[in-house]
Amino acid sequence: MADTDYATCLNIVSWVLGGLVIVFTAARIIGRTLIMKQTGWDDFFLVIGSLFAIVCSSLVTVGVSYGLGKHQADIKNPHDLSEAIKYTILAPTLSIISSTSSKISILIFLVRLTGMSAKRWHLYFLWGTCAILVVLNILAIVVIIRFCDPPQKQWQPWLPGTCLDPQIQQYIGFIQSAYNALVDIIVAIFPILFITKLNIAPRMKIGLSILMGGSIFAAGATIVKIYLLKDLDKHADVTWYWAPISLWYT
């Protein structure tokens, strides 16, 4: 049976989603600045998340040009193999930054949405959720980048140095991804406590509920990624085994 054409899939998925990110972010910022004439920190973090998402898609495309999505044995040029491994490893870190910034944006929006009706525990809960999110995602980035010492040893294995046990990276990946999925679910469900109390038209309440409920789809994608993380420790053929994971973080 022929191998999956991950290269084509990665390029298509990366830039279809990248295009949607650009359109959504542009519409949001235009609406907030020109129509509502009011911006906030949630908009700032949304823009940061979108920029890192585009850079991540760019790195995936560069990685594909060198061999991301192929078995390492099929990448004959040593330079291409080294570059393919490098971009396979670096791209997820930008995806994590993008995801973190976007979730911070949503959590800040939720704090603003709750307004004066929020109880103290509501705010503690949202800010606590945000703090744990940042800590776990920073830890995940550190483990990816500092998997080997020096980091370059990951794509230049002949360099002297040491590397972590791949299962450590896998366990942290499971924890980080599971928590991110939980945050997506919280973001989808938490607004239900307040939307019904808002002094806005019913049509706007429905639209807002649908918008926030979209996080369930992000949670679903993260859950799929958690399943695929079973191959996270397969560094001997990382350009192949990390390709399906890349499809779900781009």
Protein backbone atom coordinates (compact mmCIF):
# COMPACT_ATOMS: atom_id res chain seq x y z
CA MET A 1 0.00 0.00 0.00
CA ALA A 2 1.37 3.42 -0.95
CA ASP A 3 2.44 5.79 1.79
CA THR A 4 0.24 8.78 2.58
CA ASP A 5 1.19 11.93 0.66
CA TYR A 6 1.78 14.01 3.77
CA ALA A 7 3.72 16.68 1.87
CA THR A 8 0.73 17.75 -0.24
CA CYS A 9 -1.66 17.47 2.71
CA LEU A 10 0.58 19.62 4.90
CA ASN A 11 0.84 22.39 2.33
CA ILE A 12 -2.90 22.43 1.62
CA VAL A 13 -4.00 22.30 5.26
CA SER A 14 -1.39 24.85 6.37
CA TRP A 15 -2.43 27.51 3.90
CA VAL A 16 -6.18 26.90 3.85
CA LEU A 17 -6.21 27.37 7.61
CA GLY A 18 -3.64 30.16 7.32
CA GLY A 19 -5.92 31.99 4.89
CA LEU A 20 -8.88 31.60 7.25
CA VAL A 21 -6.78 32.97 10.11
CA ILE A 22 -5.87 36.04 8.04
CA VAL A 23 -9.49 36.69 7.00
CA PHE A 24 -10.92 36.18 10.51
CA THR A 25 -8.26 38.31 12.20
CA ALA A 26 -8.54 41.11 9.65
CA ALA A 27 -12.34 41.16 10.01
CA ARG A 28 -12.08 41.21 13.80
CA ILE A 29 -9.52 44.03 13.91
CA ILE A 30 -11.32 46.12 11.27
CA GLY A 31 -14.59 45.70 13.14
CA ARG A 32 -13.05 46.64 16.47
CA THR A 33 -11.06 49.64 15.22
CA LEU A 34 -13.28 51.15 12.51
CA ILE A 35 -16.79 50.18 13.61
CA MET A 36 -16.67 49.81 17.38
CA LYS A 37 -13.64 52.11 17.74
CA GLN A 38 -12.53 50.08 20.73
CA THR A 39 -9.63 47.67 21.04
CA GLY A 40 -8.20 45.72 23.95
CA TRP A 41 -5.58 43.24 25.03
CA ASP A 42 -7.65 40.41 23.61
CA ASP A 43 -7.18 41.93 20.15
CA PHE A 44 -3.43 42.26 20.73
CA PHE A 45 -3.04 38.59 21.67
CA LEU A 46 -5.28 37.55 18.77
CA VAL A 47 -2.98 39.36 16.32
CA ILE A 48 0.12 37.81 17.95
CA GLY A 49 -1.46 34.36 17.72
CA SER A 50 -2.37 34.89 14.08
CA LEU A 51 1.13 36.09 13.15
CA PHE A 52 2.75 33.06 14.77
CA ALA A 53 0.22 30.80 13.01
CA ILE A 54 1.27 32.21 9.64
CA VAL A 55 4.97 31.85 10.49
CA CYS A 56 4.30 28.27 11.59
CA SER A 57 2.62 27.51 8.26
CA SER A 58 5.62 29.05 6.50
CA LEU A 59 8.06 26.85 8.43
CA VAL A 60 5.97 23.77 7.63
CA THR A 61 6.11 24.68 3.93
CA VAL A 62 9.89 25.12 4.11
CA GLY A 63 10.14 21.80 5.95
CA VAL A 64 8.08 20.08 3.27
CA SER A 65 10.43 21.46 0.59
CA TYR A 66 13.31 19.69 2.34
CA GLY A 67 11.49 16.43 3.07
CA LEU A 68 9.02 16.83 5.95
CA GLY A 69 6.36 14.20 5.30
CA LYS A 70 8.83 11.66 3.91
CA HIS A 71 10.70 8.80 5.55
CA GLN A 72 14.20 9.91 6.47
CA ALA A 73 15.61 7.03 4.42
CA ASP A 74 13.99 8.58 1.33
CA ILE A 75 15.74 11.95 1.82
CA LYS A 76 19.04 11.26 0.10
CA ASN A 77 20.71 14.66 0.41
CA PRO A 78 22.30 14.98 3.91
CA HIS A 79 21.76 18.76 3.95
CA ASP A 80 18.08 18.36 3.04
CA LEU A 81 17.65 15.72 5.74
CA SER A 82 19.19 17.98 8.36
CA GLU A 83 16.99 20.92 7.33
CA ALA A 84 13.86 18.74 7.16
CA ILE A 85 14.44 17.53 10.72
CA LYS A 86 15.14 21.08 11.91
CA TYR A 87 11.90 22.52 10.54
CA THR A 88 9.93 19.47 11.68
CA ILE A 89 11.09 20.26 15.22
CA LEU A 90 10.92 24.06 15.14
CA ALA A 91 7.46 24.50 13.57
CA PRO A 92 5.52 23.05 16.53
CA THR A 93 7.02 25.62 18.90
CA LEU A 94 5.47 28.44 16.87
CA SER A 95 2.19 26.57 16.78
CA ILE A 96 2.23 26.36 20.58
CA ILE A 97 2.93 30.11 20.86
CA SER A 98 0.10 30.81 18.41
CA SER A 99 -2.33 28.57 20.28
CA THR A 100 -1.34 30.05 23.64
CA SER A 101 -1.78 33.64 22.44
CA SER A 102 -5.16 32.85 20.88
CA LYS A 103 -6.42 31.17 24.05
CA ILE A 104 -5.19 34.09 26.18
CA SER A 105 -7.14 36.38 23.84
CA ILE A 106 -10.30 34.36 24.37
CA LEU A 107 -9.84 34.20 28.15
CA ILE A 108 -9.35 37.99 28.31
CA PHE A 109 -12.49 38.37 26.21
CA LEU A 110 -14.37 36.14 28.66
CA VAL A 111 -13.21 38.28 31.58
CA ARG A 112 -14.50 41.36 29.73
CA LEU A 113 -17.71 39.54 28.79
CA THR A 114 -18.55 38.62 32.37
CA GLY A 115 -18.20 42.28 33.38
CA MET A 116 -19.74 43.34 36.66
CA SER A 117 -21.81 40.15 36.87
CA ALA A 118 -18.70 38.05 37.51
CA LYS A 119 -18.11 36.70 40.96
CA ARG A 120 -14.60 36.70 42.38
CA TRP A 121 -14.20 32.95 41.89
CA HIS A 122 -15.10 33.34 38.21
CA LEU A 123 -12.16 35.70 37.71
CA TYR A 124 -9.80 33.54 39.79
CA PHE A 125 -10.85 30.54 37.74
CA LEU A 126 -10.25 32.25 34.38
CA TRP A 127 -6.90 33.79 35.35
CA GLY A 128 -5.79 30.54 37.02
CA THR A 129 -6.69 28.62 33.88
CA CYS A 130 -4.66 31.12 31.85
CA ALA A 131 -1.62 30.90 34.16
CA ILE A 132 -1.49 27.08 34.05
CA LEU A 133 -1.91 27.20 30.27
CA VAL A 134 1.09 29.51 29.88
CA VAL A 135 3.29 27.44 32.21
CA LEU A 136 2.51 24.10 30.53
CA ASN A 137 2.95 25.49 27.02
CA ILE A 138 6.27 27.12 27.90
CA LEU A 139 7.39 23.78 29.36
CA ALA A 140 6.39 22.01 26.14
CA ILE A 141 8.40 24.51 24.05
CA VAL A 142 11.45 24.12 26.28
CA VAL A 143 11.30 20.33 26.03
CA ILE A 144 11.06 20.52 22.22
CA ILE A 145 13.90 23.03 21.80
CA ARG A 146 16.13 21.67 24.58
CA PHE A 147 15.45 18.01 23.88
CA CYS A 148 19.15 17.80 23.10
CA ASP A 149 22.04 19.82 24.45
CA PRO A 150 23.06 21.54 22.24
CA PRO A 151 19.66 21.86 20.48
CA GLN A 152 21.34 21.51 17.06
CA LYS A 153 22.16 17.88 17.88
CA GLN A 154 18.55 17.02 17.05
CA TRP A 155 19.14 17.72 13.35
CA GLN A 156 22.92 17.30 13.39
CA PRO A 157 23.23 14.02 15.34
CA TRP A 158 27.00 13.81 14.83
CA LEU A 159 27.53 16.75 17.19
CA PRO A 160 28.75 15.86 20.70
CA GLY A 161 26.11 16.25 23.37
CA THR A 162 23.27 14.54 25.19
CA CYS A 163 19.54 14.12 24.63
CA LEU A 164 16.55 13.43 26.87
CA ASP A 165 14.67 10.17 26.94
CA PRO A 166 12.06 10.56 24.12
CA GLN A 167 9.35 9.29 26.46
CA ILE A 168 9.82 12.37 28.67
CA GLN A 169 8.92 14.54 25.69
CA GLN A 170 5.97 12.27 24.97
CA TYR A 171 4.58 12.43 28.53
CA ILE A 172 4.86 16.22 28.65
CA GLY A 173 3.23 16.40 25.22
CA PHE A 174 0.29 14.35 26.50
CA ILE A 175 -0.16 16.56 29.56
CA GLN A 176 0.19 19.83 27.63
CA SER A 177 -2.18 18.77 24.86
CA ALA A 178 -4.77 17.37 27.27
CA TYR A 179 -4.82 20.63 29.21
CA ASN A 180 -5.13 22.66 26.00
CA ALA A 181 -8.14 20.54 25.00
CA LEU A 182 -9.62 21.14 28.46
CA VAL A 183 -9.18 24.91 28.05
CA ASP A 184 -10.97 24.77 24.68
CA ILE A 185 -13.89 22.98 26.35
CA ILE A 186 -13.94 25.50 29.21
CA VAL A 187 -13.97 28.38 26.72
CA ALA A 188 -16.95 26.79 24.96
CA ILE A 189 -18.98 26.06 28.10
CA PHE A 190 -18.09 28.84 30.55
CA PRO A 191 -19.88 31.67 28.65
CA ILE A 192 -23.21 29.87 29.12
CA LEU A 193 -23.16 31.15 32.70
CA PHE A 194 -23.28 34.76 31.51
CA ILE A 195 -24.64 35.05 27.97
CA THR A 196 -28.25 34.68 29.10
CA LYS A 197 -27.75 37.58 31.54
CA LEU A 198 -26.30 39.98 28.97
CA ASN A 199 -28.41 42.96 27.94
CA ILE A 200 -28.13 42.30 24.21
CA ALA A 201 -30.52 41.13 21.47
CA PRO A 202 -31.36 37.37 21.43
CA ARG A 203 -29.86 37.14 17.95
CA MET A 204 -26.53 38.41 19.27
CA LYS A 205 -26.68 35.96 22.18
CA ILE A 206 -27.13 33.08 19.74
CA GLY A 207 -24.28 34.33 17.55
CA LEU A 208 -21.99 34.73 20.54
CA SER A 209 -22.85 31.24 21.78
CA ILE A 210 -22.03 29.76 18.37
CA LEU A 211 -18.77 31.74 18.20
CA MET A 212 -17.56 30.58 21.62
CA GLY A 213 -18.87 27.06 21.02
CA GLY A 214 -16.52 26.78 18.07
CA SER A 215 -13.79 26.00 20.58
CA ILE A 216 -15.25 22.50 20.78
CA PHE A 217 -13.84 21.87 17.29
CA ALA A 218 -10.41 23.05 18.45
CA ALA A 219 -10.70 20.66 21.39
CA GLY A 220 -11.56 17.85 18.96
CA ALA A 221 -8.46 18.58 16.87
CA THR A 222 -6.32 18.59 20.01
CA ILE A 223 -7.77 15.24 21.10
CA VAL A 224 -6.84 13.76 17.72
CA LYS A 225 -3.34 15.17 18.20
CA ILE A 226 -3.14 13.53 21.63
CA TYR A 227 -3.79 10.16 19.98
CA LEU A 228 -1.10 10.85 17.37
CA LEU A 229 1.41 11.75 20.11
CA LYS A 230 1.94 8.02 20.54
CA ASP A 231 4.54 8.50 17.77
CA LEU A 232 6.18 11.55 19.36
CA ASP A 233 9.09 9.46 20.65
CA LYS A 234 9.97 8.07 17.20
CA HIS A 235 12.90 10.43 16.61
CA ALA A 236 14.66 7.92 14.34
CA ASP A 237 12.17 8.81 11.56
CA VAL A 238 10.85 12.12 12.85
CA THR A 239 10.13 13.64 9.42
CA TRP A 240 7.61 10.87 8.78
CA TYR A 241 6.09 10.16 12.18
CA TRP A 242 5.69 13.83 13.13
CA ALA A 243 3.98 14.66 9.79
CA PRO A 244 0.44 13.62 10.86
CA ILE A 245 0.96 15.47 14.17
CA SER A 246 1.91 18.53 12.11
CA LEU A 247 -1.38 18.27 10.22
CA TRP A 248 -3.29 18.79 13.45
CA TYR A 249 -1.27 21.63 14.93
CA THR A 250 -1.01 23.79 11.78
